[in-house]
Amino acid sequence: MARSLYRASLALTPVVLLARYAFHATGAVLFVLSAATLIPLAFLIGEATESVAEHAGSRVGGFMNASFGNAPELLIALFAIGDGLPNVVRGSLTGSVVSTALVVLGAAVAYGGGGEIDRRSLMLQVTLLMLAVGLFLIPSIPGWHGDPDRHSLYLLSLPVAAALLVLYLAATAHNLRGPSAPPPEGKATRRSQSLRRALLALGVATVATAAISHVLVHSLEAFVDQLGLSQFFVSAVIVALVGNAAEHGGAIVTARHGHSGLGAEIAVSSSTQVAVLVTPVIVLISGLVGHGLTLSFRPVEIAAMGGAAVAVAAVINDARARRWEGFALLGGYAIAVAAFWLAGDR
C-alpha cells in the first residue's frame, strides 16, 4: 500500500505545482487539486511512521510523525507573518492545537476502537500543553485591551517563547529516554521497510506536504470569499485542518492497524509540539521575516486550547482510550468550531 500511495503522491504533487506556477490556476481549482494531493501524502506519512515505530518504539514513532507533520504549520505561519497577517497565524496555531488534540485523537480512538495507551508519556505532554496555555495568558491579557500587535507585547512574548522552548526540549529529552510501549500482543509486526527507507519516505512526503499545503493556503482565500466566512474562522478551522492532514492520516492509519498507543502519541505529541515548539519558534524568528508576532491570543482561543487539554487529560487518565471517548472528543471539537464561528474577527 505504501508503494501505491508513494506513486500517487509523486504523480499529483507536480500536477499541483505546475497548475500553480506554470498555468496560474484559479483559487477553486487549485484548492481542489491541493486537497486531493494531501490525502495520499498524509497516509504515506502514516505508513512510514508505523515502520519507524516498529524499529524504534511508539514514543519515537509518535515524536517523528508529529515533528514531520508539523512542518506545514511552521512554514505556513512564517509566510503569513511575511504577508502581515498575525491574526491568521494565531488563529491557525490555535486551530492546530485544538483540532489535533480533539479531531486527530478522537478520530484515531473512534476509528481504531481504542485500547491501552502510554499514560506516563501522554500525561507529561498534556501537562506541557496546559503550562503553555497558562503562559500564553501573560501577553494575552494585556492584549485584550488596545492593539494586540504592539511592540511592547512582542517584547513580553519573547521570554515566554524562550521559556516554552526550553521546557519542550527538556521534557522531550526526558520522555524519549523512557521505555517505549511494544506493539500490542496478537498483532503481527510488519517490517515492510528498512528504517533508512522509512525515514527517507517520511522526509520526502513531509517536504511535499509542506509545499502543497503552502499552495493550498494561498488558494483558500479566493475559494472561501464567496462563503462570507470570517478570516479568524478560516484560519482556525480550514487552514488548521489542512495543515494537520498528515497527523490525521498518520494517527488513524496506525490506530486502525492496532497500534492505539502510537495513534495517541501522534495526536497528543503534535498538539503539544504546536503549542510548545512551533509557536515559540515562530515568535523568536518572526522579527526576521516580518513584524514580530505577539502571543496575544483572544479569550476564545485561550478557552479552546485550555478546554482541549483538559478533555485529552480526562481521556488518557486511566491509561485506556475507549471508542465512545473518541466520539466525545469529536463532539468537543464541534463545539469549538461553533465558538470560532460566533467569535468572528476582532
C-alpha atoms as a PDB file:
ATOM      1  CA  MET A   1       0.000   0.000   0.000  1.00  0.00           C
ATOM      2  CA  ALA A   2       2.813   2.396   0.848  1.00  0.00           C
ATOM      3  CA  ARG A   3       4.252   1.985  -2.650  1.00  0.00           C
ATOM      4  CA  SER A   4       0.935   2.834  -4.349  1.00  0.00           C
ATOM      5  CA  LEU A   5       0.470   5.866  -2.069  1.00  0.00           C
ATOM      6  CA  TYR A   6       4.015   6.976  -2.815  1.00  0.00           C
ATOM      7  CA  ARG A   7       3.343   6.769  -6.555  1.00  0.00           C
ATOM      8  CA  ALA A   8       0.053   8.648  -6.225  1.00  0.00           C
ATOM      9  CA  SER A   9       1.666  11.449  -4.237  1.00  0.00           C
ATOM     10  CA  LEU A  10       4.545  11.699  -6.700  1.00  0.00           C
ATOM     11  CA  ALA A  11       2.071  11.943  -9.566  1.00  0.00           C
ATOM     12  CA  LEU A  12      -0.206  14.553  -8.007  1.00  0.00           C
ATOM     13  CA  THR A  13       2.387  16.813  -6.399  1.00  0.00           C
ATOM     14  CA  PRO A  14       3.977  18.079  -9.660  1.00  0.00           C
ATOM     15  CA  VAL A  15       0.488  18.490 -11.143  1.00  0.00           C
ATOM     16  CA  VAL A  16      -0.416  20.949  -8.379  1.00  0.00           C
ATOM     17  CA  LEU A  17       2.884  22.814  -8.643  1.00  0.00           C
ATOM     18  CA  LEU A  18       2.542  23.107 -12.417  1.00  0.00           C
ATOM     19  CA  ALA A  19      -1.060  24.276 -12.085  1.00  0.00           C
ATOM     20  CA  ARG A  20       0.013  26.958  -9.614  1.00  0.00           C
ATOM     21  CA  TYR A  21       3.233  28.261 -11.148  1.00  0.00           C
ATOM     22  CA  ALA A  22       3.031  27.363 -14.831  1.00  0.00           C
ATOM     23  CA  PHE A  23      -0.680  27.609 -15.645  1.00  0.00           C
ATOM     24  CA  HIS A  24      -1.688  30.092 -12.911  1.00  0.00           C
ATOM     25  CA  ALA A  25      -4.768  28.090 -11.915  1.00  0.00           C
ATOM     26  CA  THR A  26      -7.556  29.910 -10.063  1.00  0.00           C
ATOM     27  CA  GLY A  27      -8.250  29.544  -6.356  1.00  0.00           C
ATOM     28  CA  ALA A  28     -11.071  26.994  -6.569  1.00  0.00           C
ATOM     29  CA  VAL A  29      -9.242  24.683  -8.968  1.00  0.00           C
ATOM     30  CA  LEU A  30      -6.013  24.932  -7.029  1.00  0.00           C
ATOM     31  CA  PHE A  31      -7.787  24.266  -3.743  1.00  0.00           C
ATOM     32  CA  VAL A  32      -9.398  21.060  -5.003  1.00  0.00           C
ATOM     33  CA  LEU A  33      -6.162  19.786  -6.552  1.00  0.00           C
ATOM     34  CA  SER A  34      -4.164  20.541  -3.417  1.00  0.00           C
ATOM     35  CA  ALA A  35      -6.684  18.894  -1.115  1.00  0.00           C
ATOM     36  CA  ALA A  36      -6.714  15.774  -3.296  1.00  0.00           C
ATOM     37  CA  THR A  37      -2.914  15.650  -3.238  1.00  0.00           C
ATOM     38  CA  LEU A  38      -2.705  15.858   0.551  1.00  0.00           C
ATOM     39  CA  ILE A  39      -4.690  12.638   1.017  1.00  0.00           C
ATOM     40  CA  PRO A  40      -2.085  10.156  -0.302  1.00  0.00           C
ATOM     41  CA  LEU A  41       0.725  12.202   1.231  1.00  0.00           C
ATOM     42  CA  ALA A  42      -0.920  12.068   4.659  1.00  0.00           C
ATOM     43  CA  PHE A  43      -1.402   8.330   4.553  1.00  0.00           C
ATOM     44  CA  LEU A  44       2.123   7.828   3.222  1.00  0.00           C
ATOM     45  CA  ILE A  45       3.434   9.628   6.301  1.00  0.00           C
ATOM     46  CA  GLY A  46       1.280   7.321   8.425  1.00  0.00           C
ATOM     47  CA  GLU A  47       2.674   4.194   6.784  1.00  0.00           C
ATOM     48  CA  ALA A  48       6.276   5.406   7.028  1.00  0.00           C
ATOM     49  CA  THR A  49       5.841   6.401  10.675  1.00  0.00           C
ATOM     50  CA  GLU A  50       4.461   2.990  11.542  1.00  0.00           C
ATOM     51  CA  SER A  51       7.594   1.426  10.053  1.00  0.00           C
ATOM     52  CA  VAL A  52       9.775   3.795  12.105  1.00  0.00           C
ATOM     53  CA  ALA A  53       7.854   2.896  15.263  1.00  0.00           C
ATOM     54  CA  GLU A  54       8.335  -0.828  14.623  1.00  0.00           C
ATOM     55  CA  HIS A  55      12.074  -0.211  14.755  1.00  0.00           C
ATOM     56  CA  ALA A  56      12.249   2.478  17.448  1.00  0.00           C
ATOM     57  CA  GLY A  57       9.073   2.175  19.547  1.00  0.00           C
ATOM     58  CA  SER A  58       5.829   4.132  19.826  1.00  0.00           C
ATOM     59  CA  ARG A  59       7.271   7.173  21.591  1.00  0.00           C
ATOM     60  CA  VAL A  60       9.943   7.791  18.994  1.00  0.00           C
ATOM     61  CA  GLY A  61       7.475   6.997  16.223  1.00  0.00           C
ATOM     62  CA  GLY A  62       4.917   9.444  17.576  1.00  0.00           C
ATOM     63  CA  PHE A  63       7.590  12.089  18.056  1.00  0.00           C
ATOM     64  CA  MET A  64       8.830  11.620  14.486  1.00  0.00           C
ATOM     65  CA  ASN A  65       5.338  11.822  12.979  1.00  0.00           C
ATOM     66  CA  ALA A  66       4.423  14.895  14.976  1.00  0.00           C
ATOM     67  CA  SER A  67       7.707  16.607  14.118  1.00  0.00           C
ATOM     68  CA  PHE A  68       7.422  15.948  10.387  1.00  0.00           C
ATOM     69  CA  GLY A  69       3.689  16.542  10.332  1.00  0.00           C
ATOM     70  CA  ASN A  70       4.002  19.979  11.938  1.00  0.00           C
ATOM     71  CA  ALA A  71       6.356  21.296   9.251  1.00  0.00           C
ATOM     72  CA  PRO A  72       3.458  22.714   7.169  1.00  0.00           C
ATOM     73  CA  GLU A  73       2.152  24.733  10.143  1.00  0.00           C
ATOM     74  CA  LEU A  74       5.573  26.274  10.670  1.00  0.00           C
ATOM     75  CA  LEU A  75       6.064  27.219   7.013  1.00  0.00           C
ATOM     76  CA  ILE A  76       2.507  28.495   6.592  1.00  0.00           C
ATOM     77  CA  ALA A  77       2.833  30.661   9.699  1.00  0.00           C
ATOM     78  CA  LEU A  78       6.138  32.183   8.620  1.00  0.00           C
ATOM     79  CA  PHE A  79       4.763  33.038   5.208  1.00  0.00           C
ATOM     80  CA  ALA A  80       1.653  34.625   6.762  1.00  0.00           C
ATOM     81  CA  ILE A  81       3.865  36.728   9.040  1.00  0.00           C
ATOM     82  CA  GLY A  82       5.783  37.897   5.994  1.00  0.00           C
ATOM     83  CA  ASP A  83       2.465  38.941   4.468  1.00  0.00           C
ATOM     84  CA  GLY A  84       1.493  40.873   7.621  1.00  0.00           C
ATOM     85  CA  LEU A  85      -1.288  38.514   8.784  1.00  0.00           C
ATOM     86  CA  PRO A  86      -0.681  37.977  12.533  1.00  0.00           C
ATOM     87  CA  ASN A  87      -4.338  37.153  13.238  1.00  0.00           C
ATOM     88  CA  VAL A  88      -4.212  34.365  10.667  1.00  0.00           C
ATOM     89  CA  VAL A  89      -1.080  32.968  12.313  1.00  0.00           C
ATOM     90  CA  ARG A  90      -2.535  32.970  15.825  1.00  0.00           C
ATOM     91  CA  GLY A  91      -5.821  31.581  14.558  1.00  0.00           C
ATOM     92  CA  SER A  92      -4.139  28.748  12.667  1.00  0.00           C
ATOM     93  CA  LEU A  93      -1.935  27.912  15.667  1.00  0.00           C
ATOM     94  CA  THR A  94      -4.978  27.814  17.939  1.00  0.00           C
ATOM     95  CA  GLY A  95      -6.877  25.692  15.457  1.00  0.00           C
ATOM     96  CA  SER A  96      -3.918  23.328  15.087  1.00  0.00           C
ATOM     97  CA  VAL A  97      -3.665  22.751  18.836  1.00  0.00           C
ATOM     98  CA  VAL A  98      -7.418  22.216  19.218  1.00  0.00           C
ATOM     99  CA  SER A  99      -8.048  20.161  16.086  1.00  0.00           C
ATOM    100  CA  THR A 100      -5.065  17.871  16.612  1.00  0.00           C
ATOM    101  CA  ALA A 101      -5.957  17.241  20.242  1.00  0.00           C
ATOM    102  CA  LEU A 102      -9.666  16.689  19.633  1.00  0.00           C
ATOM    103  CA  VAL A 103     -10.108  15.620  15.998  1.00  0.00           C
ATOM    104  CA  VAL A 104      -6.960  13.562  15.439  1.00  0.00           C
ATOM    105  CA  LEU A 105      -7.046  11.825  18.830  1.00  0.00           C
ATOM    106  CA  GLY A 106     -10.822  11.475  18.679  1.00  0.00           C
ATOM    107  CA  ALA A 107     -10.804  10.004  15.175  1.00  0.00           C
ATOM    108  CA  ALA A 108      -7.934   7.655  15.998  1.00  0.00           C
ATOM    109  CA  VAL A 109      -9.727   6.328  19.075  1.00  0.00           C
ATOM    110  CA  ALA A 110     -13.164   6.131  17.460  1.00  0.00           C
ATOM    111  CA  TYR A 111     -11.946   4.599  14.202  1.00  0.00           C
ATOM    112  CA  GLY A 112      -9.302   2.384  15.739  1.00  0.00           C
ATOM    113  CA  GLY A 113     -11.541   1.078  18.506  1.00  0.00           C
ATOM    114  CA  GLY A 114      -9.496   2.370  21.439  1.00  0.00           C
ATOM    115  CA  GLY A 115      -7.112   0.370  23.597  1.00  0.00           C
ATOM    116  CA  GLU A 116      -4.260   0.757  26.050  1.00  0.00           C
ATOM    117  CA  ILE A 117      -2.157   3.922  25.853  1.00  0.00           C
ATOM    118  CA  ASP A 118       1.036   5.175  27.483  1.00  0.00           C
ATOM    119  CA  ARG A 119      -0.358   7.332  30.287  1.00  0.00           C
ATOM    120  CA  ARG A 120       3.042   8.491  31.582  1.00  0.00           C
ATOM    121  CA  SER A 121       4.224   9.792  28.239  1.00  0.00           C
ATOM    122  CA  LEU A 122       0.911  11.368  27.244  1.00  0.00           C
ATOM    123  CA  MET A 123       0.209  12.987  30.614  1.00  0.00           C
ATOM    124  CA  LEU A 124       3.616  14.667  30.519  1.00  0.00           C
ATOM    125  CA  GLN A 125       2.767  16.158  27.139  1.00  0.00           C
ATOM    126  CA  VAL A 126      -0.708  17.283  28.209  1.00  0.00           C
ATOM    127  CA  THR A 127       0.842  18.935  31.270  1.00  0.00           C
ATOM    128  CA  LEU A 128       3.182  20.821  28.941  1.00  0.00           C
ATOM    129  CA  LEU A 129       0.178  21.911  26.874  1.00  0.00           C
ATOM    130  CA  MET A 130      -1.593  23.212  29.980  1.00  0.00           C
ATOM    131  CA  LEU A 131       1.539  25.089  31.040  1.00  0.00           C
ATOM    132  CA  ALA A 132       1.759  26.643  27.575  1.00  0.00           C
ATOM    133  CA  VAL A 133      -1.832  27.888  27.750  1.00  0.00           C
ATOM    134  CA  GLY A 134      -1.113  29.353  31.181  1.00  0.00           C
ATOM    135  CA  LEU A 135       1.989  31.158  29.900  1.00  0.00           C
ATOM    136  CA  PHE A 136       0.047  32.440  26.895  1.00  0.00           C
ATOM    137  CA  LEU A 137      -2.070  34.446  29.351  1.00  0.00           C
ATOM    138  CA  ILE A 138       0.911  36.656  30.218  1.00  0.00           C
ATOM    139  CA  PRO A 139       0.894  38.573  26.885  1.00  0.00           C
ATOM    140  CA  SER A 140      -2.731  37.725  26.047  1.00  0.00           C
ATOM    141  CA  ILE A 141      -4.465  39.503  28.939  1.00  0.00           C
ATOM    142  CA  PRO A 142      -2.913  42.940  28.209  1.00  0.00           C
ATOM    143  CA  GLY A 143      -3.576  42.250  24.523  1.00  0.00           C
ATOM    144  CA  TRP A 144      -7.326  42.199  25.178  1.00  0.00           C
ATOM    145  CA  HIS A 145      -7.124  45.962  25.597  1.00  0.00           C
ATOM    146  CA  GLY A 146      -5.592  48.117  22.891  1.00  0.00           C
ATOM    147  CA  ASP A 147      -3.509  46.964  19.945  1.00  0.00           C
ATOM    148  CA  PRO A 148      -2.734  43.229  20.356  1.00  0.00           C
ATOM    149  CA  ASP A 149       0.248  43.558  17.999  1.00  0.00           C
ATOM    150  CA  ARG A 150       2.031  46.460  19.710  1.00  0.00           C
ATOM    151  CA  HIS A 151       5.774  46.203  20.140  1.00  0.00           C
ATOM    152  CA  SER A 152       5.628  46.082  23.952  1.00  0.00           C
ATOM    153  CA  LEU A 153       3.620  42.844  23.759  1.00  0.00           C
ATOM    154  CA  TYR A 154       6.143  41.389  21.342  1.00  0.00           C
ATOM    155  CA  LEU A 155       8.902  42.105  23.863  1.00  0.00           C
ATOM    156  CA  LEU A 156       6.738  40.446  26.528  1.00  0.00           C
ATOM    157  CA  SER A 157       6.167  37.443  24.266  1.00  0.00           C
ATOM    158  CA  LEU A 158       9.877  36.769  23.682  1.00  0.00           C
ATOM    159  CA  PRO A 159      10.743  35.460  27.192  1.00  0.00           C
ATOM    160  CA  VAL A 160       7.508  33.438  27.219  1.00  0.00           C
ATOM    161  CA  ALA A 161       8.508  31.831  23.921  1.00  0.00           C
ATOM    162  CA  ALA A 162      12.026  31.120  25.178  1.00  0.00           C
ATOM    163  CA  ALA A 163      10.685  29.510  28.366  1.00  0.00           C
ATOM    164  CA  LEU A 164       8.309  27.297  26.355  1.00  0.00           C
ATOM    165  CA  LEU A 165      11.105  26.175  24.070  1.00  0.00           C
ATOM    166  CA  VAL A 166      13.362  25.241  26.999  1.00  0.00           C
ATOM    167  CA  LEU A 167      10.503  23.338  28.650  1.00  0.00           C
ATOM    168  CA  TYR A 168       9.792  21.406  25.480  1.00  0.00           C
ATOM    169  CA  LEU A 169      13.389  20.428  24.838  1.00  0.00           C
ATOM    170  CA  ALA A 170      13.889  19.278  28.443  1.00  0.00           C
ATOM    171  CA  ALA A 171      10.633  17.323  28.537  1.00  0.00           C
ATOM    172  CA  THR A 172      11.259  15.692  25.164  1.00  0.00           C
ATOM    173  CA  ALA A 173      14.740  14.560  26.154  1.00  0.00           C
ATOM    174  CA  HIS A 174      13.335  13.089  29.369  1.00  0.00           C
ATOM    175  CA  ASN A 175      10.386  11.439  27.621  1.00  0.00           C
ATOM    176  CA  LEU A 176      12.418   9.762  24.881  1.00  0.00           C
ATOM    177  CA  ARG A 177      14.782   8.220  27.455  1.00  0.00           C
ATOM    178  CA  GLY A 178      11.949   6.146  28.907  1.00  0.00           C
ATOM    179  CA  PRO A 179      10.977   2.712  27.569  1.00  0.00           C
ATOM    180  CA  SER A 180       8.542   2.626  24.644  1.00  0.00           C
ATOM    181  CA  ALA A 181       5.455   0.508  24.633  1.00  0.00           C
ATOM    182  CA  PRO A 182       5.812  -2.518  22.328  1.00  0.00           C
ATOM    183  CA  PRO A 183       3.259  -3.279  19.610  1.00  0.00           C
ATOM    184  CA  PRO A 184       0.056  -4.833  21.018  1.00  0.00           C
ATOM    185  CA  GLU A 185       0.092  -8.575  21.604  1.00  0.00           C
ATOM    186  CA  GLY A 186      -1.531 -10.552  18.868  1.00  0.00           C
ATOM    187  CA  LYS A 187      -0.630  -8.027  16.193  1.00  0.00           C
ATOM    188  CA  ALA A 188       1.912  -9.033  13.628  1.00  0.00           C
ATOM    189  CA  THR A 189       4.862  -6.688  13.337  1.00  0.00           C
ATOM    190  CA  ARG A 190       5.258  -5.682   9.727  1.00  0.00           C
ATOM    191  CA  ARG A 191       8.835  -4.671   8.964  1.00  0.00           C
ATOM    192  CA  SER A 192       7.984  -3.988   5.377  1.00  0.00           C
ATOM    193  CA  GLN A 193      10.562  -1.199   5.119  1.00  0.00           C
ATOM    194  CA  SER A 194      14.053  -0.743   6.473  1.00  0.00           C
ATOM    195  CA  LEU A 195      14.498   2.112   8.926  1.00  0.00           C
ATOM    196  CA  ARG A 196      16.528   4.113   6.391  1.00  0.00           C
ATOM    197  CA  ARG A 197      13.890   3.667   3.694  1.00  0.00           C
ATOM    198  CA  ALA A 198      11.068   4.574   6.099  1.00  0.00           C
ATOM    199  CA  LEU A 199      12.859   7.755   7.175  1.00  0.00           C
ATOM    200  CA  LEU A 200      13.506   8.683   3.543  1.00  0.00           C
ATOM    201  CA  ALA A 201       9.838   8.197   2.657  1.00  0.00           C
ATOM    202  CA  LEU A 202       8.807  10.225   5.704  1.00  0.00           C
ATOM    203  CA  GLY A 203      11.117  13.080   4.776  1.00  0.00           C
ATOM    204  CA  VAL A 204      10.091  13.202   1.102  1.00  0.00           C
ATOM    205  CA  ALA A 205       6.386  13.035   1.973  1.00  0.00           C
ATOM    206  CA  THR A 206       6.732  15.821   4.548  1.00  0.00           C
ATOM    207  CA  VAL A 207       8.537  18.142   2.139  1.00  0.00           C
ATOM    208  CA  ALA A 208       5.849  17.522  -0.472  1.00  0.00           C
ATOM    209  CA  THR A 209       3.115  18.057   2.132  1.00  0.00           C
ATOM    210  CA  ALA A 210       4.626  21.384   3.141  1.00  0.00           C
ATOM    211  CA  ALA A 211       4.814  22.550  -0.479  1.00  0.00           C
ATOM    212  CA  ILE A 212       1.250  21.500  -1.274  1.00  0.00           C
ATOM    213  CA  SER A 213      -0.120  22.963   1.968  1.00  0.00           C
ATOM    214  CA  HIS A 214       1.581  26.234   1.092  1.00  0.00           C
ATOM    215  CA  VAL A 215      -0.139  26.292  -2.304  1.00  0.00           C
ATOM    216  CA  LEU A 216      -3.478  25.281  -0.809  1.00  0.00           C
ATOM    217  CA  VAL A 217      -3.444  28.074   1.775  1.00  0.00           C
ATOM    218  CA  HIS A 218      -2.808  30.611  -0.958  1.00  0.00           C
ATOM    219  CA  SER A 219      -5.895  29.340  -2.762  1.00  0.00           C
ATOM    220  CA  LEU A 220      -8.119  29.309   0.313  1.00  0.00           C
ATOM    221  CA  GLU A 221      -8.971  32.998   0.379  1.00  0.00           C
ATOM    222  CA  ALA A 222     -10.325  33.014  -3.164  1.00  0.00           C
ATOM    223  CA  PHE A 223     -12.111  29.722  -2.509  1.00  0.00           C
ATOM    224  CA  VAL A 224     -13.985  30.852   0.601  1.00  0.00           C
ATOM    225  CA  ASP A 225     -14.609  34.531  -0.209  1.00  0.00           C
ATOM    226  CA  GLN A 226     -17.954  33.693  -1.742  1.00  0.00           C
ATOM    227  CA  LEU A 227     -18.998  31.977   1.507  1.00  0.00           C
ATOM    228  CA  GLY A 228     -18.587  35.154   3.550  1.00  0.00           C
ATOM    229  CA  LEU A 229     -16.570  33.493   6.288  1.00  0.00           C
ATOM    230  CA  SER A 230     -14.522  35.459   8.818  1.00  0.00           C
ATOM    231  CA  GLN A 231     -10.750  35.441   8.497  1.00  0.00           C
ATOM    232  CA  PHE A 232     -10.449  34.002  12.000  1.00  0.00           C
ATOM    233  CA  PHE A 233     -12.808  31.124  11.248  1.00  0.00           C
ATOM    234  CA  VAL A 234     -10.958  30.288   8.035  1.00  0.00           C
ATOM    235  CA  SER A 235      -7.564  30.272   9.753  1.00  0.00           C
ATOM    236  CA  ALA A 236      -8.678  28.453  12.916  1.00  0.00           C
ATOM    237  CA  VAL A 237     -10.707  25.768  11.163  1.00  0.00           C
ATOM    238  CA  ILE A 238      -9.893  25.391   7.470  1.00  0.00           C
ATOM    239  CA  VAL A 239      -6.182  26.250   7.493  1.00  0.00           C
ATOM    240  CA  ALA A 240      -5.617  24.258  10.688  1.00  0.00           C
ATOM    241  CA  LEU A 241      -7.359  21.150   9.357  1.00  0.00           C
ATOM    242  CA  VAL A 242      -5.450  21.363   6.100  1.00  0.00           C
ATOM    243  CA  GLY A 243      -2.120  21.772   7.882  1.00  0.00           C
ATOM    244  CA  ASN A 244      -2.878  18.758  10.081  1.00  0.00           C
ATOM    245  CA  ALA A 245      -3.696  16.390   7.227  1.00  0.00           C
ATOM    246  CA  ALA A 246      -0.556  14.372   7.934  1.00  0.00           C
ATOM    247  CA  GLU A 247      -1.454  13.876  11.599  1.00  0.00           C
ATOM    248  CA  HIS A 248      -4.989  12.827  10.669  1.00  0.00           C
ATOM    249  CA  GLY A 249      -3.719  10.191   8.283  1.00  0.00           C
ATOM    250  CA  GLY A 250      -0.883   9.000  10.487  1.00  0.00           C
ATOM    251  CA  ALA A 251      -2.924   8.636  13.671  1.00  0.00           C
ATOM    252  CA  ILE A 252      -5.883   6.932  12.009  1.00  0.00           C
ATOM    253  CA  VAL A 253      -3.793   4.507   9.959  1.00  0.00           C
ATOM    254  CA  THR A 254      -1.669   3.423  12.900  1.00  0.00           C
ATOM    255  CA  ALA A 255      -4.637   3.141  15.271  1.00  0.00           C
ATOM    256  CA  ARG A 256      -6.580   1.127  12.718  1.00  0.00           C
ATOM    257  CA  HIS A 257      -3.654  -1.294  12.436  1.00  0.00           C
ATOM    258  CA  GLY A 258      -3.932  -1.971  16.176  1.00  0.00           C
ATOM    259  CA  HIS A 259      -1.282   0.448  17.432  1.00  0.00           C
ATOM    260  CA  SER A 260      -3.574   2.532  19.653  1.00  0.00           C
ATOM    261  CA  GLY A 261      -0.635   3.777  21.711  1.00  0.00           C
ATOM    262  CA  LEU A 262       1.135   5.126  18.639  1.00  0.00           C
ATOM    263  CA  GLY A 263      -2.048   6.775  17.355  1.00  0.00           C
ATOM    264  CA  ALA A 264      -2.452   8.578  20.665  1.00  0.00           C
ATOM    265  CA  GLU A 265       1.239   9.537  20.701  1.00  0.00           C
ATOM    266  CA  ILE A 266       0.906  11.107  17.250  1.00  0.00           C
ATOM    267  CA  ALA A 267      -2.134  13.170  18.208  1.00  0.00           C
ATOM    268  CA  VAL A 268      -1.008  14.404  21.617  1.00  0.00           C
ATOM    269  CA  SER A 269       2.633  14.904  20.567  1.00  0.00           C
ATOM    270  CA  SER A 270       1.554  17.009  17.619  1.00  0.00           C
ATOM    271  CA  SER A 271      -0.824  19.182  19.632  1.00  0.00           C
ATOM    272  CA  THR A 272       1.825  19.782  22.284  1.00  0.00           C
ATOM    273  CA  GLN A 273       4.514  20.481  19.692  1.00  0.00           C
ATOM    274  CA  VAL A 274       2.393  23.194  18.078  1.00  0.00           C
ATOM    275  CA  ALA A 275       1.926  24.972  21.419  1.00  0.00           C
ATOM    276  CA  VAL A 276       5.354  24.421  22.981  1.00  0.00           C
ATOM    277  CA  LEU A 277       7.686  24.177  19.978  1.00  0.00           C
ATOM    278  CA  VAL A 278       6.172  25.543  16.762  1.00  0.00           C
ATOM    279  CA  THR A 279       4.593  28.609  18.387  1.00  0.00           C
ATOM    280  CA  PRO A 280       7.704  29.816  20.280  1.00  0.00           C
ATOM    281  CA  VAL A 281       9.957  29.142  17.283  1.00  0.00           C
ATOM    282  CA  ILE A 282       7.660  31.277  15.116  1.00  0.00           C
ATOM    283  CA  VAL A 283       7.722  34.075  17.695  1.00  0.00           C
ATOM    284  CA  LEU A 284      11.505  34.003  18.069  1.00  0.00           C
ATOM    285  CA  ILE A 285      12.191  34.233  14.322  1.00  0.00           C
ATOM    286  CA  SER A 286       9.159  36.316  13.308  1.00  0.00           C
ATOM    287  CA  GLY A 287      11.138  39.527  13.552  1.00  0.00           C
ATOM    288  CA  LEU A 288      13.427  38.277  10.784  1.00  0.00           C
ATOM    289  CA  VAL A 289      10.638  37.629   8.258  1.00  0.00           C
ATOM    290  CA  GLY A 290       8.270  40.472   9.091  1.00  0.00           C
ATOM    291  CA  HIS A 291       6.635  42.214  12.046  1.00  0.00           C
ATOM    292  CA  GLY A 292       7.303  40.434  15.350  1.00  0.00           C
ATOM    293  CA  LEU A 293       4.459  38.092  16.300  1.00  0.00           C
ATOM    294  CA  THR A 294       2.877  38.593  19.733  1.00  0.00           C
ATOM    295  CA  LEU A 295       1.315  35.780  21.756  1.00  0.00           C
ATOM    296  CA  SER A 296      -1.810  37.846  22.413  1.00  0.00           C
ATOM    297  CA  PHE A 297      -4.422  35.153  21.880  1.00  0.00           C
ATOM    298  CA  ARG A 298      -8.101  36.051  22.096  1.00  0.00           C
ATOM    299  CA  PRO A 299     -10.235  34.775  25.023  1.00  0.00           C
ATOM    300  CA  VAL A 300     -11.991  32.287  22.746  1.00  0.00           C
ATOM    301  CA  GLU A 301      -8.599  30.926  21.638  1.00  0.00           C
ATOM    302  CA  ILE A 302      -7.319  30.537  25.209  1.00  0.00           C
ATOM    303  CA  ALA A 303     -10.568  28.851  26.276  1.00  0.00           C
ATOM    304  CA  ALA A 304     -10.493  26.452  23.302  1.00  0.00           C
ATOM    305  CA  MET A 305      -6.872  25.389  23.857  1.00  0.00           C
ATOM    306  CA  GLY A 306      -7.343  25.004  27.598  1.00  0.00           C
ATOM    307  CA  GLY A 307     -10.561  23.061  27.139  1.00  0.00           C
ATOM    308  CA  ALA A 308      -8.907  20.716  24.624  1.00  0.00           C
ATOM    309  CA  ALA A 309      -6.051  19.998  27.057  1.00  0.00           C
ATOM    310  CA  VAL A 310      -8.489  19.188  29.876  1.00  0.00           C
ATOM    311  CA  ALA A 311     -10.540  16.910  27.602  1.00  0.00           C
ATOM    312  CA  VAL A 312      -7.467  14.960  26.487  1.00  0.00           C
ATOM    313  CA  ALA A 313      -6.266  14.619  30.089  1.00  0.00           C
ATOM    314  CA  ALA A 314      -9.631  13.132  31.052  1.00  0.00           C
ATOM    315  CA  VAL A 315      -9.387  10.564  28.243  1.00  0.00           C
ATOM    316  CA  ILE A 316      -5.846   9.378  28.969  1.00  0.00           C
ATOM    317  CA  ASN A 317      -6.075   9.480  32.769  1.00  0.00           C
ATOM    318  CA  ASP A 318      -6.874   5.761  33.142  1.00  0.00           C
ATOM    319  CA  ALA A 319      -4.292   4.652  30.519  1.00  0.00           C
ATOM    320  CA  ARG A 320      -7.009   3.349  28.229  1.00  0.00           C
ATOM    321  CA  ALA A 321      -8.922   5.043  25.401  1.00  0.00           C
ATOM    322  CA  ARG A 322     -12.449   3.916  24.560  1.00  0.00           C
ATOM    323  CA  ARG A 323     -14.382   4.390  21.348  1.00  0.00           C
ATOM    324  CA  TRP A 324     -17.112   6.491  22.961  1.00  0.00           C
ATOM    325  CA  GLU A 325     -14.433   8.832  24.323  1.00  0.00           C
ATOM    326  CA  GLY A 326     -13.223   9.322  20.765  1.00  0.00           C
ATOM    327  CA  PHE A 327     -16.693  10.401  19.685  1.00  0.00           C
ATOM    328  CA  ALA A 328     -16.890  12.700  22.729  1.00  0.00           C
ATOM    329  CA  LEU A 329     -13.660  14.419  21.649  1.00  0.00           C
ATOM    330  CA  LEU A 330     -15.085  14.914  18.163  1.00  0.00           C
ATOM    331  CA  GLY A 331     -18.198  16.433  19.732  1.00  0.00           C
ATOM    332  CA  GLY A 332     -15.990  18.781  21.725  1.00  0.00           C
ATOM    333  CA  TYR A 333     -14.360  19.947  18.517  1.00  0.00           C
ATOM    334  CA  ALA A 334     -17.784  20.672  17.012  1.00  0.00           C
ATOM    335  CA  ILE A 335     -18.452  22.959  19.988  1.00  0.00           C
ATOM    336  CA  ALA A 336     -15.094  24.705  19.432  1.00  0.00           C
ATOM    337  CA  VAL A 337     -15.919  25.244  15.745  1.00  0.00           C
ATOM    338  CA  ALA A 338     -19.251  26.805  16.701  1.00  0.00           C
ATOM    339  CA  ALA A 339     -17.414  29.123  19.117  1.00  0.00           C
ATOM    340  CA  PHE A 340     -14.949  30.123  16.399  1.00  0.00           C
ATOM    341  CA  TRP A 341     -17.863  30.860  14.061  1.00  0.00           C
ATOM    342  CA  LEU A 342     -19.608  33.071  16.622  1.00  0.00           C
ATOM    343  CA  ALA A 343     -16.392  34.871  17.616  1.00  0.00           C
ATOM    344  CA  GLY A 344     -15.684  36.164  14.105  1.00  0.00           C
ATOM    345  CA  ASP A 345     -12.877  38.676  13.618  1.00  0.00           C
ATOM    346  CA  ARG A 346     -11.720  41.221  16.180  1.00  0.00           C
END
